[in-house]
Amino acid sequence: MFSLEDSSPNRIGFDLERVMRTKYRIDDFQQTYFVIDSFEKLLHDCYQDFGTLYDRLRAAPDIDAHALIENDRIITKRDFHYFQAKRRRPTL
């Protein structure tokens, strides 16, 4: 529900290289979700020689999980309320 309906995360169009450069958390909801039209498109984009892709991305900087960059196809821009509230909560 969070990834589809909450107003907190960014949702941007799927771009394989963008996905691979984006930092992510393994222990919480994501700050950015990538939207793709179909599994067929995902399979098409992923059916390639990843060696050349890794070579190309090796020199590219990582992208922070919350960041939007110039070529992003923004579907919804975040208001980030979920993540801001977590930051304000006292830790035990």
N, C-alpha and C. Protein backbone atom coordinates (compact mmCIF):
# COMPACT_ATOMS: atom_id res chain seq x y z
N MET A 1 0.83 -1.19 0.00
CA MET A 1 0.00 0.00 0.00
C MET A 1 0.88 1.26 0.00
N PHE A 2 1.96 1.23 0.79
CA PHE A 2 2.84 2.40 0.87
C PHE A 2 3.39 2.75 -0.51
N SER A 3 3.92 1.76 -1.21
CA SER A 3 4.55 2.04 -2.50
C SER A 3 3.57 2.54 -3.55
N LEU A 4 2.31 2.13 -3.44
CA LEU A 4 1.31 2.49 -4.44
C LEU A 4 0.49 3.72 -4.10
N GLU A 5 0.20 3.94 -2.81
CA GLU A 5 -0.79 4.95 -2.46
C GLU A 5 -0.29 6.07 -1.55
N ASP A 6 0.77 5.85 -0.80
CA ASP A 6 1.22 6.87 0.15
C ASP A 6 1.83 8.05 -0.60
N SER A 7 1.70 9.25 -0.02
CA SER A 7 2.23 10.45 -0.68
C SER A 7 3.70 10.71 -0.34
N SER A 8 4.30 9.87 0.47
CA SER A 8 5.67 10.12 0.91
C SER A 8 6.75 9.82 -0.14
N PRO A 9 6.73 8.68 -0.83
CA PRO A 9 7.85 8.37 -1.72
C PRO A 9 7.71 8.99 -3.11
N ASN A 10 8.88 9.16 -3.75
CA ASN A 10 8.91 9.50 -5.17
C ASN A 10 8.52 8.26 -5.96
N ARG A 11 7.89 8.48 -7.09
CA ARG A 11 7.67 7.41 -8.06
C ARG A 11 8.15 7.96 -9.40
N ILE A 12 9.09 7.24 -10.00
CA ILE A 12 9.63 7.69 -11.28
C ILE A 12 9.62 6.52 -12.26
N GLY A 13 9.65 6.87 -13.53
CA GLY A 13 9.66 5.86 -14.57
C GLY A 13 10.90 4.99 -14.49
N PHE A 14 10.71 3.71 -14.74
CA PHE A 14 11.80 2.74 -14.69
C PHE A 14 12.85 3.04 -15.73
N ASP A 15 14.09 3.06 -15.29
CA ASP A 15 15.26 3.14 -16.16
C ASP A 15 16.32 2.27 -15.49
N LEU A 16 16.74 1.20 -16.15
CA LEU A 16 17.60 0.21 -15.53
C LEU A 16 18.87 0.82 -14.95
N GLU A 17 19.54 1.67 -15.70
CA GLU A 17 20.77 2.28 -15.20
C GLU A 17 20.50 3.16 -13.98
N ARG A 18 19.40 3.87 -14.00
CA ARG A 18 19.02 4.71 -12.85
C ARG A 18 18.76 3.84 -11.63
N VAL A 19 18.06 2.75 -11.81
CA VAL A 19 17.79 1.82 -10.71
C VAL A 19 19.09 1.31 -10.11
N MET A 20 20.02 0.92 -10.97
CA MET A 20 21.26 0.33 -10.50
C MET A 20 22.16 1.33 -9.78
N ARG A 21 22.00 2.60 -10.05
CA ARG A 21 22.81 3.64 -9.40
C ARG A 21 22.19 4.16 -8.11
N THR A 22 20.94 3.80 -7.84
CA THR A 22 20.22 4.37 -6.71
C THR A 22 20.47 3.59 -5.43
N LYS A 23 20.85 4.32 -4.38
CA LYS A 23 21.01 3.71 -3.06
C LYS A 23 19.62 3.32 -2.54
N TYR A 24 19.57 2.32 -1.68
CA TYR A 24 18.30 1.90 -1.11
C TYR A 24 18.52 1.35 0.28
N ARG A 25 17.45 1.28 1.04
CA ARG A 25 17.48 0.72 2.39
C ARG A 25 16.93 -0.69 2.35
N ILE A 26 17.51 -1.56 3.14
CA ILE A 26 17.00 -2.93 3.20
C ILE A 26 16.08 -3.12 4.40
N ASP A 27 15.98 -2.11 5.26
CA ASP A 27 15.24 -2.28 6.51
C ASP A 27 14.04 -1.34 6.65
N ASP A 28 13.60 -0.75 5.56
CA ASP A 28 12.49 0.19 5.65
C ASP A 28 11.85 0.36 4.27
N PHE A 29 10.77 1.14 4.23
CA PHE A 29 10.18 1.50 2.95
C PHE A 29 11.20 2.30 2.14
N GLN A 30 11.03 2.28 0.83
CA GLN A 30 11.93 3.02 -0.04
C GLN A 30 11.48 4.47 -0.18
N GLN A 31 12.43 5.35 -0.46
CA GLN A 31 12.14 6.75 -0.67
C GLN A 31 11.79 7.03 -2.14
N THR A 32 12.17 6.12 -3.00
CA THR A 32 11.86 6.21 -4.42
C THR A 32 11.46 4.84 -4.93
N TYR A 33 10.38 4.81 -5.69
CA TYR A 33 9.94 3.58 -6.35
C TYR A 33 9.98 3.80 -7.85
N PHE A 34 10.33 2.75 -8.57
CA PHE A 34 10.43 2.81 -10.02
C PHE A 34 9.22 2.11 -10.63
N VAL A 35 8.57 2.78 -11.54
CA VAL A 35 7.32 2.31 -12.13
C VAL A 35 7.61 1.84 -13.55
N ILE A 36 7.13 0.63 -13.85
CA ILE A 36 7.33 0.06 -15.18
C ILE A 36 5.98 -0.43 -15.69
N ASP A 37 5.81 -0.40 -16.98
CA ASP A 37 4.53 -0.73 -17.58
C ASP A 37 4.18 -2.22 -17.54
N SER A 38 5.21 -3.07 -17.61
CA SER A 38 4.91 -4.51 -17.69
C SER A 38 6.13 -5.34 -17.31
N PHE A 39 5.87 -6.59 -16.96
CA PHE A 39 6.97 -7.53 -16.72
C PHE A 39 7.73 -7.78 -18.01
N GLU A 40 7.04 -7.74 -19.15
CA GLU A 40 7.70 -7.94 -20.43
C GLU A 40 8.76 -6.86 -20.65
N LYS A 41 8.45 -5.62 -20.32
CA LYS A 41 9.41 -4.53 -20.45
C LYS A 41 10.59 -4.76 -19.52
N LEU A 42 10.33 -5.20 -18.31
CA LEU A 42 11.41 -5.50 -17.36
C LEU A 42 12.32 -6.60 -17.91
N LEU A 43 11.73 -7.67 -18.40
CA LEU A 43 12.52 -8.76 -18.95
C LEU A 43 13.32 -8.29 -20.17
N HIS A 44 12.71 -7.50 -21.02
CA HIS A 44 13.39 -6.96 -22.20
C HIS A 44 14.60 -6.14 -21.80
N ASP A 45 14.41 -5.22 -20.82
CA ASP A 45 15.50 -4.35 -20.40
C ASP A 45 16.62 -5.11 -19.70
N CYS A 46 16.27 -6.19 -19.03
CA CYS A 46 17.27 -6.95 -18.26
C CYS A 46 17.95 -8.05 -19.08
N TYR A 47 17.44 -8.32 -20.26
CA TYR A 47 18.03 -9.36 -21.10
C TYR A 47 19.12 -8.73 -21.96
N GLN A 48 20.29 -8.57 -21.34
CA GLN A 48 21.41 -7.94 -22.02
C GLN A 48 22.71 -8.36 -21.33
N ASP A 49 23.81 -7.98 -21.91
CA ASP A 49 25.13 -8.24 -21.34
C ASP A 49 25.37 -7.22 -20.22
N PHE A 50 25.28 -7.67 -19.00
CA PHE A 50 25.46 -6.77 -17.86
C PHE A 50 26.92 -6.36 -17.67
N GLY A 51 27.85 -7.09 -18.28
CA GLY A 51 29.27 -6.72 -18.17
C GLY A 51 29.52 -5.32 -18.70
N THR A 52 29.01 -5.03 -19.89
CA THR A 52 29.21 -3.69 -20.44
C THR A 52 28.45 -2.63 -19.63
N LEU A 53 27.30 -3.01 -19.10
CA LEU A 53 26.53 -2.10 -18.25
C LEU A 53 27.32 -1.78 -16.98
N TYR A 54 27.89 -2.81 -16.34
CA TYR A 54 28.70 -2.59 -15.14
C TYR A 54 29.90 -1.69 -15.46
N ASP A 55 30.54 -1.91 -16.59
CA ASP A 55 31.68 -1.07 -16.98
C ASP A 55 31.26 0.38 -17.12
N ARG A 56 30.12 0.62 -17.73
CA ARG A 56 29.63 1.98 -17.94
C ARG A 56 29.26 2.65 -16.61
N LEU A 57 28.67 1.88 -15.72
CA LEU A 57 28.21 2.46 -14.45
C LEU A 57 29.30 2.59 -13.41
N ARG A 58 30.39 1.90 -13.59
CA ARG A 58 31.48 1.94 -12.61
C ARG A 58 31.93 3.37 -12.33
N ALA A 59 31.96 4.21 -13.34
CA ALA A 59 32.41 5.59 -13.17
C ALA A 59 31.28 6.54 -12.79
N ALA A 60 30.06 6.09 -12.85
CA ALA A 60 28.91 6.95 -12.55
C ALA A 60 28.71 7.05 -11.03
N PRO A 61 28.36 8.22 -10.55
CA PRO A 61 28.14 8.36 -9.10
C PRO A 61 26.85 7.68 -8.68
N ASP A 62 26.82 7.27 -7.40
CA ASP A 62 25.58 6.76 -6.83
C ASP A 62 24.57 7.89 -6.71
N ILE A 63 23.30 7.54 -6.65
CA ILE A 63 22.22 8.52 -6.49
C ILE A 63 21.56 8.25 -5.15
N ASP A 64 21.46 9.27 -4.32
CA ASP A 64 20.80 9.11 -3.03
C ASP A 64 19.36 8.65 -3.23
N ALA A 65 18.88 7.87 -2.28
CA ALA A 65 17.57 7.24 -2.38
C ALA A 65 16.44 8.23 -2.56
N HIS A 66 16.56 9.42 -2.01
CA HIS A 66 15.48 10.42 -2.08
C HIS A 66 15.62 11.37 -3.27
N ALA A 67 16.75 11.33 -3.95
CA ALA A 67 17.07 12.33 -4.96
C ALA A 67 16.31 12.11 -6.27
N LEU A 68 16.01 13.22 -6.91
CA LEU A 68 15.52 13.22 -8.29
C LEU A 68 16.63 13.82 -9.14
N ILE A 69 16.82 13.28 -10.33
CA ILE A 69 17.87 13.79 -11.20
C ILE A 69 17.26 14.29 -12.51
N GLU A 70 18.07 14.95 -13.28
CA GLU A 70 17.61 15.66 -14.47
C GLU A 70 16.76 14.83 -15.43
N ASN A 71 17.14 13.63 -15.74
CA ASN A 71 16.42 12.84 -16.74
C ASN A 71 15.32 11.97 -16.19
N ASP A 72 15.01 12.08 -14.90
CA ASP A 72 13.94 11.27 -14.32
C ASP A 72 12.59 11.63 -14.94
N ARG A 73 11.80 10.60 -15.22
CA ARG A 73 10.41 10.80 -15.65
C ARG A 73 9.56 10.70 -14.38
N ILE A 74 9.29 11.85 -13.79
CA ILE A 74 8.61 11.91 -12.50
C ILE A 74 7.13 11.59 -12.68
N ILE A 75 6.68 10.61 -11.93
CA ILE A 75 5.27 10.24 -11.94
C ILE A 75 4.58 10.91 -10.75
N THR A 76 5.15 10.78 -9.56
CA THR A 76 4.71 11.55 -8.39
C THR A 76 5.93 11.98 -7.62
N LYS A 77 5.92 13.21 -7.18
CA LYS A 77 7.01 13.76 -6.38
C LYS A 77 6.61 13.67 -4.92
N ARG A 78 7.49 13.25 -4.10
CA ARG A 78 7.24 12.96 -2.69
C ARG A 78 6.94 14.20 -1.85
N ASP A 79 6.25 13.96 -0.73
CA ASP A 79 6.18 14.98 0.31
C ASP A 79 7.02 14.55 1.51
N PHE A 80 7.45 13.28 1.51
CA PHE A 80 8.46 12.77 2.44
C PHE A 80 8.01 12.72 3.89
N HIS A 81 6.70 12.82 4.17
CA HIS A 81 6.23 12.90 5.56
C HIS A 81 6.61 11.67 6.38
N TYR A 82 6.54 10.50 5.80
CA TYR A 82 6.87 9.27 6.53
C TYR A 82 8.31 9.33 7.04
N PHE A 83 9.24 9.71 6.19
CA PHE A 83 10.66 9.70 6.54
C PHE A 83 11.01 10.84 7.50
N GLN A 84 10.37 11.99 7.34
CA GLN A 84 10.60 13.10 8.27
C GLN A 84 10.09 12.74 9.67
N ALA A 85 8.94 12.11 9.76
CA ALA A 85 8.39 11.71 11.06
C ALA A 85 9.31 10.69 11.74
N LYS A 86 9.87 9.77 10.99
CA LYS A 86 10.79 8.79 11.58
C LYS A 86 12.03 9.47 12.13
N ARG A 87 12.50 10.50 11.46
CA ARG A 87 13.69 11.21 11.90
C ARG A 87 13.44 11.95 13.21
N ARG A 88 12.20 12.41 13.42
CA ARG A 88 11.87 13.18 14.62
C ARG A 88 11.58 12.30 15.82
N ARG A 89 11.29 11.01 15.60
CA ARG A 89 10.97 10.12 16.72
C ARG A 89 12.20 9.90 17.58
N PRO A 90 12.00 9.94 18.90
CA PRO A 90 13.15 9.64 19.78
C PRO A 90 13.51 8.16 19.70
N THR A 91 14.78 7.89 19.79
CA THR A 91 15.22 6.49 19.78
C THR A 91 15.29 5.99 21.21
N LEU A 92 15.04 4.72 21.37
CA LEU A 92 15.04 4.13 22.72
C LEU A 92 16.40 3.57 23.06
